[in-house]
Amino acid sequence: MLSGGEGEEALAFSLTHRTACGTLTPGILLSLLQENRPVTESLPPTPNGTVVEYHPTIKELPSDERPRERLANYGPGALSTAELLAIILRVGTKDENVIRLAQRLLVHFDGLPGLAQAPFEDLIEQKGVGPAKAVELKAAFELGRRWQAAAPQERLQVKSPQDAANLLMLEMSVLEQEHLRTIMLNSKNHVLKVHTVYVGSVNTASLRIAELFREAVRLNSVALIVAHNHPSGDPTPSAEDIAVTRQIVEAGKLLNIEVLDHLVIGQQRWVSLKERGLGF
């Protein structure tokens, strides 16, 4: 059985606690937990008006329900996002176990993209997340970003707009500035390179079309896919996006480099201008 790690959160309730009506017995406690109900539902207040609460720790969960054991036995795909996050966080607090801490962070930051984008200062302000955990979270997200960036070198093949979106979404959906990137492909649609062309607002006045194709020409790429993000999170193409796309497609024809698509990436959503017939 895998260890819960040093510093595992302490048990927040003692079975010898007494309420105004007597002792919470192990039998009552087990019944409540089996019914998946909060222990406080059946506890009357103490004479001073407070309610005794029970917060089960990870060690108290059945072994096949603990995140580390579940990952070891069933693989990471079997775990929820909160469970995976709990493994990184390792321990919770005396008031909530680490899974509940992970769930609270996901709710507070509007999901995983928001958590990945959260500034270090905002993370350490959250109860149960000190500088050490904030550093671990930032390191985990950065590793994921670097792995995604390295993936094209594994001769990934792009067969659809979805394949291209999967390649870029992890990083580009959380960027705070607008980035324009190209995915350069060979004759079999294997990825040669993902190249950042421009950082900043992408429009017809500032974008130099020649710069967009320079790396593709150097690599003898026969086709490319253009992508840029909307930091607002809304991937709806603007009139400027469509105008830029027309210019890029026409330039590609002159250079004999086929422009397969232009993707606009938002938060957990994306739009293919080719599929919508915009600029193509």
C-alpha atoms as a PDB file:
ATOM      1  CA  MET A   1       0.000   0.000   0.000  1.00  0.00           C
ATOM      2  CA  LEU A   2       1.345   3.445  -0.891  1.00  0.00           C
ATOM      3  CA  SER A   3       2.176   5.813   1.951  1.00  0.00           C
ATOM      4  CA  GLY A   4       0.146   8.972   2.406  1.00  0.00           C
ATOM      5  CA  GLY A   5       3.402  10.866   2.991  1.00  0.00           C
ATOM      6  CA  GLU A   6       4.757  12.630   5.970  1.00  0.00           C
ATOM      7  CA  GLY A   7       2.601  15.353   7.437  1.00  0.00           C
ATOM      8  CA  GLU A   8      -0.698  13.694   6.512  1.00  0.00           C
ATOM      9  CA  GLU A   9      -3.526  15.775   7.922  1.00  0.00           C
ATOM     10  CA  ALA A  10      -4.603  14.958  11.451  1.00  0.00           C
ATOM     11  CA  LEU A  11      -7.972  13.493  12.386  1.00  0.00           C
ATOM     12  CA  ALA A  12     -10.330  16.387  13.071  1.00  0.00           C
ATOM     13  CA  PHE A  13     -12.797  14.542  15.276  1.00  0.00           C
ATOM     14  CA  SER A  14     -12.557  12.219  18.258  1.00  0.00           C
ATOM     15  CA  LEU A  15     -15.199   9.536  18.758  1.00  0.00           C
ATOM     16  CA  THR A  16     -15.273  10.375  22.444  1.00  0.00           C
ATOM     17  CA  HIS A  17     -16.779  13.826  21.703  1.00  0.00           C
ATOM     18  CA  ARG A  18     -20.127  14.158  23.371  1.00  0.00           C
ATOM     19  CA  THR A  19     -23.119  16.156  22.183  1.00  0.00           C
ATOM     20  CA  ALA A  20     -26.123  17.269  24.183  1.00  0.00           C
ATOM     21  CA  CYS A  21     -27.744  13.928  23.440  1.00  0.00           C
ATOM     22  CA  GLY A  22     -24.801  11.630  24.101  1.00  0.00           C
ATOM     23  CA  THR A  23     -21.833  10.118  22.261  1.00  0.00           C
ATOM     24  CA  LEU A  24     -21.407   9.731  18.503  1.00  0.00           C
ATOM     25  CA  THR A  25     -20.717   6.005  18.374  1.00  0.00           C
ATOM     26  CA  PRO A  26     -18.649   4.242  15.703  1.00  0.00           C
ATOM     27  CA  GLY A  27     -21.817   2.517  14.501  1.00  0.00           C
ATOM     28  CA  ILE A  28     -23.611   5.810  13.892  1.00  0.00           C
ATOM     29  CA  LEU A  29     -20.532   7.225  12.204  1.00  0.00           C
ATOM     30  CA  LEU A  30     -20.188   4.229   9.871  1.00  0.00           C
ATOM     31  CA  SER A  31     -23.862   4.426   8.945  1.00  0.00           C
ATOM     32  CA  LEU A  32     -23.585   8.089   8.032  1.00  0.00           C
ATOM     33  CA  LEU A  33     -20.485   7.560   5.924  1.00  0.00           C
ATOM     34  CA  GLN A  34     -22.036   4.602   4.089  1.00  0.00           C
ATOM     35  CA  GLU A  35     -25.020   6.804   3.220  1.00  0.00           C
ATOM     36  CA  ASN A  36     -22.609   9.467   1.973  1.00  0.00           C
ATOM     37  CA  ARG A  37     -24.157  12.054   4.281  1.00  0.00           C
ATOM     38  CA  PRO A  38     -22.324  14.690   6.300  1.00  0.00           C
ATOM     39  CA  VAL A  39     -21.929  13.633   9.898  1.00  0.00           C
ATOM     40  CA  THR A  40     -23.327  16.992  11.020  1.00  0.00           C
ATOM     41  CA  GLU A  41     -26.764  16.107   9.584  1.00  0.00           C
ATOM     42  CA  SER A  42     -27.544  13.885  12.572  1.00  0.00           C
ATOM     43  CA  LEU A  43     -25.612  15.730  15.243  1.00  0.00           C
ATOM     44  CA  PRO A  44     -27.477  18.110  17.548  1.00  0.00           C
ATOM     45  CA  PRO A  45     -25.583  21.199  18.660  1.00  0.00           C
ATOM     46  CA  THR A  46     -23.529  21.101  21.822  1.00  0.00           C
ATOM     47  CA  PRO A  47     -24.731  23.122  24.820  1.00  0.00           C
ATOM     48  CA  ASN A  48     -22.703  26.139  23.644  1.00  0.00           C
ATOM     49  CA  GLY A  49     -24.388  26.009  20.241  1.00  0.00           C
ATOM     50  CA  THR A  50     -21.507  24.607  18.171  1.00  0.00           C
ATOM     51  CA  VAL A  51     -21.832  21.542  15.949  1.00  0.00           C
ATOM     52  CA  VAL A  52     -19.264  18.786  15.963  1.00  0.00           C
ATOM     53  CA  GLU A  53     -18.011  17.985  12.454  1.00  0.00           C
ATOM     54  CA  TYR A  54     -16.134  14.987  11.129  1.00  0.00           C
ATOM     55  CA  HIS A  55     -13.568  15.423   8.349  1.00  0.00           C
ATOM     56  CA  PRO A  56     -12.244  12.056   7.117  1.00  0.00           C
ATOM     57  CA  THR A  57      -8.587  12.064   6.125  1.00  0.00           C
ATOM     58  CA  ILE A  58      -7.166  10.298   3.084  1.00  0.00           C
ATOM     59  CA  LYS A  59      -5.731   7.572   5.336  1.00  0.00           C
ATOM     60  CA  GLU A  60      -9.238   6.826   6.618  1.00  0.00           C
ATOM     61  CA  LEU A  61     -10.597   6.198   3.114  1.00  0.00           C
ATOM     62  CA  PRO A  62     -10.633   2.599   1.849  1.00  0.00           C
ATOM     63  CA  SER A  63      -7.333   1.884   0.121  1.00  0.00           C
ATOM     64  CA  ASP A  64      -8.980   1.507  -3.302  1.00  0.00           C
ATOM     65  CA  GLU A  65     -10.488   5.005  -2.970  1.00  0.00           C
ATOM     66  CA  ARG A  66      -7.248   6.867  -2.264  1.00  0.00           C
ATOM     67  CA  PRO A  67      -5.907   8.849  -5.252  1.00  0.00           C
ATOM     68  CA  ARG A  68      -2.370   7.424  -5.193  1.00  0.00           C
ATOM     69  CA  GLU A  69      -3.555   3.850  -4.955  1.00  0.00           C
ATOM     70  CA  ARG A  70      -6.184   4.402  -7.659  1.00  0.00           C
ATOM     71  CA  LEU A  71      -3.568   5.795 -10.022  1.00  0.00           C
ATOM     72  CA  ALA A  72      -1.193   2.901  -9.320  1.00  0.00           C
ATOM     73  CA  ASN A  73      -3.933   0.301  -9.846  1.00  0.00           C
ATOM     74  CA  TYR A  74      -5.975   1.803 -12.691  1.00  0.00           C
ATOM     75  CA  GLY A  75      -3.782   4.435 -14.362  1.00  0.00           C
ATOM     76  CA  PRO A  76      -4.079   8.256 -14.416  1.00  0.00           C
ATOM     77  CA  GLY A  77      -7.002   8.215 -16.841  1.00  0.00           C
ATOM     78  CA  ALA A  78      -9.243   6.698 -14.166  1.00  0.00           C
ATOM     79  CA  LEU A  79      -8.808   9.671 -11.820  1.00  0.00           C
ATOM     80  CA  SER A  80     -10.763  12.900 -11.776  1.00  0.00           C
ATOM     81  CA  THR A  81      -8.968  16.222 -12.181  1.00  0.00           C
ATOM     82  CA  ALA A  82      -9.401  16.862  -8.455  1.00  0.00           C
ATOM     83  CA  GLU A  83      -7.815  13.502  -7.595  1.00  0.00           C
ATOM     84  CA  LEU A  84      -4.818  14.146  -9.849  1.00  0.00           C
ATOM     85  CA  LEU A  85      -4.425  17.583  -8.313  1.00  0.00           C
ATOM     86  CA  ALA A  86      -4.669  16.058  -4.837  1.00  0.00           C
ATOM     87  CA  ILE A  87      -1.654  13.839  -5.579  1.00  0.00           C
ATOM     88  CA  ILE A  88       0.405  16.944  -6.360  1.00  0.00           C
ATOM     89  CA  LEU A  89      -0.847  18.816  -3.281  1.00  0.00           C
ATOM     90  CA  ARG A  90      -0.191  15.719  -1.090  1.00  0.00           C
ATOM     91  CA  VAL A  91      -1.934  16.899   2.100  1.00  0.00           C
ATOM     92  CA  GLY A  92      -4.901  19.014   3.065  1.00  0.00           C
ATOM     93  CA  THR A  93      -5.638  20.872   6.284  1.00  0.00           C
ATOM     94  CA  LYS A  94      -7.213  19.958   9.609  1.00  0.00           C
ATOM     95  CA  ASP A  95     -10.552  21.181   8.222  1.00  0.00           C
ATOM     96  CA  GLU A  96     -10.572  19.444   4.833  1.00  0.00           C
ATOM     97  CA  ASN A  97      -8.780  16.543   3.258  1.00  0.00           C
ATOM     98  CA  VAL A  98      -6.602  17.051   0.212  1.00  0.00           C
ATOM     99  CA  ILE A  99      -9.304  16.028  -2.295  1.00  0.00           C
ATOM    100  CA  ARG A 100     -11.660  18.672  -0.953  1.00  0.00           C
ATOM    101  CA  LEU A 101      -8.823  21.200  -1.049  1.00  0.00           C
ATOM    102  CA  ALA A 102      -8.242  20.341  -4.707  1.00  0.00           C
ATOM    103  CA  GLN A 103     -11.958  20.662  -5.478  1.00  0.00           C
ATOM    104  CA  ARG A 104     -12.107  24.056  -3.766  1.00  0.00           C
ATOM    105  CA  LEU A 105      -9.153  25.347  -5.790  1.00  0.00           C
ATOM    106  CA  LEU A 106     -10.720  24.189  -9.067  1.00  0.00           C
ATOM    107  CA  VAL A 107     -13.996  25.919  -8.199  1.00  0.00           C
ATOM    108  CA  HIS A 108     -12.296  29.124  -7.040  1.00  0.00           C
ATOM    109  CA  PHE A 109     -10.125  29.449 -10.160  1.00  0.00           C
ATOM    110  CA  ASP A 110     -12.844  28.297 -12.613  1.00  0.00           C
ATOM    111  CA  GLY A 111     -11.244  24.989 -13.524  1.00  0.00           C
ATOM    112  CA  LEU A 112      -7.826  23.737 -14.492  1.00  0.00           C
ATOM    113  CA  PRO A 113      -7.001  26.468 -17.069  1.00  0.00           C
ATOM    114  CA  GLY A 114      -7.714  29.173 -14.494  1.00  0.00           C
ATOM    115  CA  LEU A 115      -5.625  27.392 -11.885  1.00  0.00           C
ATOM    116  CA  ALA A 116      -2.733  27.005 -14.338  1.00  0.00           C
ATOM    117  CA  GLN A 117      -2.908  30.708 -15.151  1.00  0.00           C
ATOM    118  CA  ALA A 118      -3.257  31.914 -11.550  1.00  0.00           C
ATOM    119  CA  PRO A 119      -0.409  34.157 -10.342  1.00  0.00           C
ATOM    120  CA  PHE A 120       1.817  32.772  -7.599  1.00  0.00           C
ATOM    121  CA  GLU A 121       0.570  35.441  -5.193  1.00  0.00           C
ATOM    122  CA  ASP A 122      -3.072  34.392  -5.687  1.00  0.00           C
ATOM    123  CA  LEU A 123      -2.243  30.739  -5.039  1.00  0.00           C
ATOM    124  CA  ILE A 124      -0.535  31.309  -1.702  1.00  0.00           C
ATOM    125  CA  GLU A 125      -3.498  33.365  -0.504  1.00  0.00           C
ATOM    126  CA  GLN A 126      -5.681  30.253  -0.612  1.00  0.00           C
ATOM    127  CA  LYS A 127      -6.124  28.404   2.670  1.00  0.00           C
ATOM    128  CA  GLY A 128      -4.062  25.215   2.620  1.00  0.00           C
ATOM    129  CA  VAL A 129      -1.747  26.412  -0.166  1.00  0.00           C
ATOM    130  CA  GLY A 130       1.538  27.839   1.064  1.00  0.00           C
ATOM    131  CA  PRO A 131       4.602  28.786  -0.977  1.00  0.00           C
ATOM    132  CA  ALA A 132       5.765  25.146  -1.209  1.00  0.00           C
ATOM    133  CA  LYS A 133       2.496  23.866  -2.723  1.00  0.00           C
ATOM    134  CA  ALA A 134       2.232  26.872  -5.026  1.00  0.00           C
ATOM    135  CA  VAL A 135       5.723  26.136  -6.360  1.00  0.00           C
ATOM    136  CA  GLU A 136       4.811  22.462  -6.890  1.00  0.00           C
ATOM    137  CA  LEU A 137       1.683  23.427  -8.824  1.00  0.00           C
ATOM    138  CA  LYS A 138       3.574  25.866 -11.027  1.00  0.00           C
ATOM    139  CA  ALA A 139       6.255  23.245 -11.684  1.00  0.00           C
ATOM    140  CA  ALA A 140       3.655  20.615 -12.643  1.00  0.00           C
ATOM    141  CA  PHE A 141       1.899  22.928 -15.090  1.00  0.00           C
ATOM    142  CA  GLU A 142       5.216  23.983 -16.622  1.00  0.00           C
ATOM    143  CA  LEU A 143       6.227  20.344 -17.144  1.00  0.00           C
ATOM    144  CA  GLY A 144       2.936  19.732 -18.929  1.00  0.00           C
ATOM    145  CA  ARG A 145       3.506  22.781 -21.116  1.00  0.00           C
ATOM    146  CA  ARG A 146       7.045  21.684 -22.027  1.00  0.00           C
ATOM    147  CA  TRP A 147       5.922  18.157 -22.820  1.00  0.00           C
ATOM    148  CA  GLN A 148       3.235  19.550 -25.107  1.00  0.00           C
ATOM    149  CA  ALA A 149       5.785  21.788 -26.823  1.00  0.00           C
ATOM    150  CA  ALA A 150       8.116  18.806 -27.333  1.00  0.00           C
ATOM    151  CA  ALA A 151       5.404  16.545 -28.734  1.00  0.00           C
ATOM    152  CA  PRO A 152       5.790  17.726 -32.369  1.00  0.00           C
ATOM    153  CA  GLN A 153       9.285  16.294 -32.392  1.00  0.00           C
ATOM    154  CA  GLU A 154       7.741  12.825 -31.950  1.00  0.00           C
ATOM    155  CA  ARG A 155       6.493  12.994 -35.579  1.00  0.00           C
ATOM    156  CA  LEU A 156       2.922  13.713 -34.601  1.00  0.00           C
ATOM    157  CA  GLN A 157       0.582  13.539 -37.573  1.00  0.00           C
ATOM    158  CA  VAL A 158      -2.177  16.109 -38.007  1.00  0.00           C
ATOM    159  CA  LYS A 159      -5.174  14.657 -39.819  1.00  0.00           C
ATOM    160  CA  SER A 160      -7.903  17.075 -38.705  1.00  0.00           C
ATOM    161  CA  PRO A 161      -8.495  20.461 -37.063  1.00  0.00           C
ATOM    162  CA  GLN A 162      -9.078  18.585 -33.803  1.00  0.00           C
ATOM    163  CA  ASP A 163      -5.552  17.115 -33.982  1.00  0.00           C
ATOM    164  CA  ALA A 164      -4.098  20.597 -34.415  1.00  0.00           C
ATOM    165  CA  ALA A 165      -6.199  21.988 -31.567  1.00  0.00           C
ATOM    166  CA  ASN A 166      -5.116  19.149 -29.266  1.00  0.00           C
ATOM    167  CA  LEU A 167      -1.500  20.007 -30.030  1.00  0.00           C
ATOM    168  CA  LEU A 168      -1.868  23.668 -29.049  1.00  0.00           C
ATOM    169  CA  MET A 169      -4.733  23.945 -26.554  1.00  0.00           C
ATOM    170  CA  LEU A 170      -2.889  23.043 -23.363  1.00  0.00           C
ATOM    171  CA  GLU A 171      -0.551  26.004 -23.548  1.00  0.00           C
ATOM    172  CA  MET A 172      -2.251  28.543 -25.773  1.00  0.00           C
ATOM    173  CA  SER A 173      -5.582  28.519 -23.937  1.00  0.00           C
ATOM    174  CA  VAL A 174      -3.957  30.012 -20.824  1.00  0.00           C
ATOM    175  CA  LEU A 175      -1.663  32.605 -22.429  1.00  0.00           C
ATOM    176  CA  GLU A 176      -2.277  36.130 -21.190  1.00  0.00           C
ATOM    177  CA  GLN A 177      -1.100  37.742 -24.445  1.00  0.00           C
ATOM    178  CA  GLU A 178      -2.128  36.996 -28.001  1.00  0.00           C
ATOM    179  CA  HIS A 179       0.293  34.642 -29.784  1.00  0.00           C
ATOM    180  CA  LEU A 180       0.322  33.736 -33.470  1.00  0.00           C
ATOM    181  CA  ARG A 181       1.845  30.324 -34.210  1.00  0.00           C
ATOM    182  CA  THR A 182       2.277  28.072 -37.210  1.00  0.00           C
ATOM    183  CA  ILE A 183       2.317  24.272 -37.332  1.00  0.00           C
ATOM    184  CA  MET A 184       4.584  23.283 -40.208  1.00  0.00           C
ATOM    185  CA  LEU A 185       3.899  19.966 -41.931  1.00  0.00           C
ATOM    186  CA  ASN A 186       5.616  17.694 -44.418  1.00  0.00           C
ATOM    187  CA  SER A 187       3.954  15.906 -47.339  1.00  0.00           C
ATOM    188  CA  LYS A 188       2.483  13.267 -44.969  1.00  0.00           C
ATOM    189  CA  ASN A 189       1.157  15.889 -42.548  1.00  0.00           C
ATOM    190  CA  HIS A 190       3.795  15.014 -39.945  1.00  0.00           C
ATOM    191  CA  VAL A 191       4.621  17.968 -37.725  1.00  0.00           C
ATOM    192  CA  LEU A 192       8.017  19.465 -38.491  1.00  0.00           C
ATOM    193  CA  LYS A 193       7.853  22.297 -35.990  1.00  0.00           C
ATOM    194  CA  VAL A 194       5.519  24.577 -34.051  1.00  0.00           C
ATOM    195  CA  HIS A 195       6.807  28.113 -34.455  1.00  0.00           C
ATOM    196  CA  THR A 196       5.812  31.315 -32.640  1.00  0.00           C
ATOM    197  CA  VAL A 197       5.610  34.042 -35.261  1.00  0.00           C
ATOM    198  CA  TYR A 198       4.234  36.955 -33.294  1.00  0.00           C
ATOM    199  CA  VAL A 199       3.303  38.020 -29.766  1.00  0.00           C
ATOM    200  CA  GLY A 200       0.823  40.847 -29.397  1.00  0.00           C
ATOM    201  CA  SER A 201      -2.364  41.923 -31.141  1.00  0.00           C
ATOM    202  CA  VAL A 202      -2.574  40.204 -34.529  1.00  0.00           C
ATOM    203  CA  ASN A 203      -3.988  42.486 -37.234  1.00  0.00           C
ATOM    204  CA  THR A 204      -3.412  43.322 -40.871  1.00  0.00           C
ATOM    205  CA  ALA A 205      -1.458  46.465 -40.034  1.00  0.00           C
ATOM    206  CA  SER A 206       1.150  44.859 -37.759  1.00  0.00           C
ATOM    207  CA  LEU A 207       1.466  41.352 -39.230  1.00  0.00           C
ATOM    208  CA  ARG A 208       4.124  40.810 -41.851  1.00  0.00           C
ATOM    209  CA  ILE A 209       2.977  37.905 -43.974  1.00  0.00           C
ATOM    210  CA  ALA A 210       6.539  37.168 -45.124  1.00  0.00           C
ATOM    211  CA  GLU A 211       7.572  36.568 -41.510  1.00  0.00           C
ATOM    212  CA  LEU A 212       4.806  34.023 -41.103  1.00  0.00           C
ATOM    213  CA  PHE A 213       6.187  31.887 -43.964  1.00  0.00           C
ATOM    214  CA  ARG A 214       9.912  32.404 -43.343  1.00  0.00           C
ATOM    215  CA  GLU A 215      10.383  29.331 -41.106  1.00  0.00           C
ATOM    216  CA  ALA A 216       8.166  27.178 -43.314  1.00  0.00           C
ATOM    217  CA  VAL A 217      10.344  28.025 -46.340  1.00  0.00           C
ATOM    218  CA  ARG A 218      13.519  27.256 -44.373  1.00  0.00           C
ATOM    219  CA  LEU A 219      12.175  23.808 -43.394  1.00  0.00           C
ATOM    220  CA  ASN A 220      10.801  23.050 -46.866  1.00  0.00           C
ATOM    221  CA  SER A 221       7.353  22.653 -45.384  1.00  0.00           C
ATOM    222  CA  VAL A 222       4.648  21.876 -47.935  1.00  0.00           C
ATOM    223  CA  ALA A 223       1.736  22.916 -45.738  1.00  0.00           C
ATOM    224  CA  LEU A 224       1.018  24.766 -42.533  1.00  0.00           C
ATOM    225  CA  ILE A 225      -1.732  25.525 -40.064  1.00  0.00           C
ATOM    226  CA  VAL A 226      -2.020  28.972 -38.524  1.00  0.00           C
ATOM    227  CA  ALA A 227      -3.300  29.447 -34.962  1.00  0.00           C
ATOM    228  CA  HIS A 228      -3.686  32.309 -32.565  1.00  0.00           C
ATOM    229  CA  ASN A 229      -5.328  32.654 -29.174  1.00  0.00           C
ATOM    230  CA  HIS A 230      -7.879  35.066 -27.752  1.00  0.00           C
ATOM    231  CA  PRO A 231      -6.830  35.825 -24.148  1.00  0.00           C
ATOM    232  CA  SER A 232     -10.445  36.779 -23.396  1.00  0.00           C
ATOM    233  CA  GLY A 233     -11.303  33.073 -23.658  1.00  0.00           C
ATOM    234  CA  ASP A 234     -13.874  33.603 -26.443  1.00  0.00           C
ATOM    235  CA  PRO A 235     -12.632  31.986 -29.702  1.00  0.00           C
ATOM    236  CA  THR A 236     -15.183  33.708 -31.942  1.00  0.00           C
ATOM    237  CA  PRO A 237     -13.268  34.953 -35.027  1.00  0.00           C
ATOM    238  CA  SER A 238     -13.231  38.720 -35.514  1.00  0.00           C
ATOM    239  CA  ALA A 239     -13.495  40.532 -38.848  1.00  0.00           C
ATOM    240  CA  GLU A 240      -9.762  41.220 -38.522  1.00  0.00           C
ATOM    241  CA  ASP A 241      -9.070  37.481 -38.047  1.00  0.00           C
ATOM    242  CA  ILE A 242     -10.916  36.708 -41.273  1.00  0.00           C
ATOM    243  CA  ALA A 243      -9.102  39.459 -43.202  1.00  0.00           C
ATOM    244  CA  VAL A 244      -5.703  38.215 -41.988  1.00  0.00           C
ATOM    245  CA  THR A 245      -6.641  34.665 -42.983  1.00  0.00           C
ATOM    246  CA  ARG A 246      -7.421  35.732 -46.564  1.00  0.00           C
ATOM    247  CA  GLN A 247      -4.009  37.394 -46.855  1.00  0.00           C
ATOM    248  CA  ILE A 248      -2.231  34.329 -45.458  1.00  0.00           C
ATOM    249  CA  VAL A 249      -4.048  31.924 -47.799  1.00  0.00           C
ATOM    250  CA  GLU A 250      -3.215  34.053 -50.865  1.00  0.00           C
ATOM    251  CA  ALA A 251       0.441  34.332 -49.857  1.00  0.00           C
ATOM    252  CA  GLY A 252       0.595  30.557 -49.368  1.00  0.00           C
ATOM    253  CA  LYS A 253      -0.612  30.014 -52.937  1.00  0.00           C
ATOM    254  CA  LEU A 254       2.173  32.232 -54.279  1.00  0.00           C
ATOM    255  CA  LEU A 255       4.789  30.305 -52.270  1.00  0.00           C
ATOM    256  CA  ASN A 256       3.273  26.900 -53.062  1.00  0.00           C
ATOM    257  CA  ILE A 257       2.725  26.252 -49.344  1.00  0.00           C
ATOM    258  CA  GLU A 258      -0.822  25.146 -48.638  1.00  0.00           C
ATOM    259  CA  VAL A 259      -2.534  26.858 -45.696  1.00  0.00           C
ATOM    260  CA  LEU A 260      -4.727  24.077 -44.338  1.00  0.00           C
ATOM    261  CA  ASP A 261      -6.517  25.990 -41.598  1.00  0.00           C
ATOM    262  CA  HIS A 262      -6.513  28.902 -39.183  1.00  0.00           C
ATOM    263  CA  LEU A 263      -7.535  28.076 -35.620  1.00  0.00           C
ATOM    264  CA  VAL A 264      -8.681  30.573 -33.014  1.00  0.00           C
ATOM    265  CA  ILE A 265      -8.136  29.225 -29.510  1.00  0.00           C
ATOM    266  CA  GLY A 266     -10.013  30.300 -26.389  1.00  0.00           C
ATOM    267  CA  GLN A 267     -10.396  28.727 -22.978  1.00  0.00           C
ATOM    268  CA  GLN A 268     -11.217  25.052 -23.527  1.00  0.00           C
ATOM    269  CA  ARG A 269     -12.784  25.978 -26.886  1.00  0.00           C
ATOM    270  CA  TRP A 270     -11.521  26.583 -30.403  1.00  0.00           C
ATOM    271  CA  VAL A 271     -12.826  27.520 -33.828  1.00  0.00           C
ATOM    272  CA  SER A 272     -11.633  26.371 -37.264  1.00  0.00           C
ATOM    273  CA  LEU A 273     -11.997  29.152 -39.831  1.00  0.00           C
ATOM    274  CA  LYS A 274     -11.626  26.559 -42.610  1.00  0.00           C
ATOM    275  CA  GLU A 275     -14.585  24.561 -41.298  1.00  0.00           C
ATOM    276  CA  ARG A 276     -16.675  27.727 -41.155  1.00  0.00           C
ATOM    277  CA  GLY A 277     -15.580  28.862 -44.613  1.00  0.00           C
ATOM    278  CA  LEU A 278     -14.114  32.114 -43.277  1.00  0.00           C
ATOM    279  CA  GLY A 279     -11.161  33.451 -45.261  1.00  0.00           C
ATOM    280  CA  PHE A 280     -10.784  30.283 -47.352  1.00  0.00           C
END
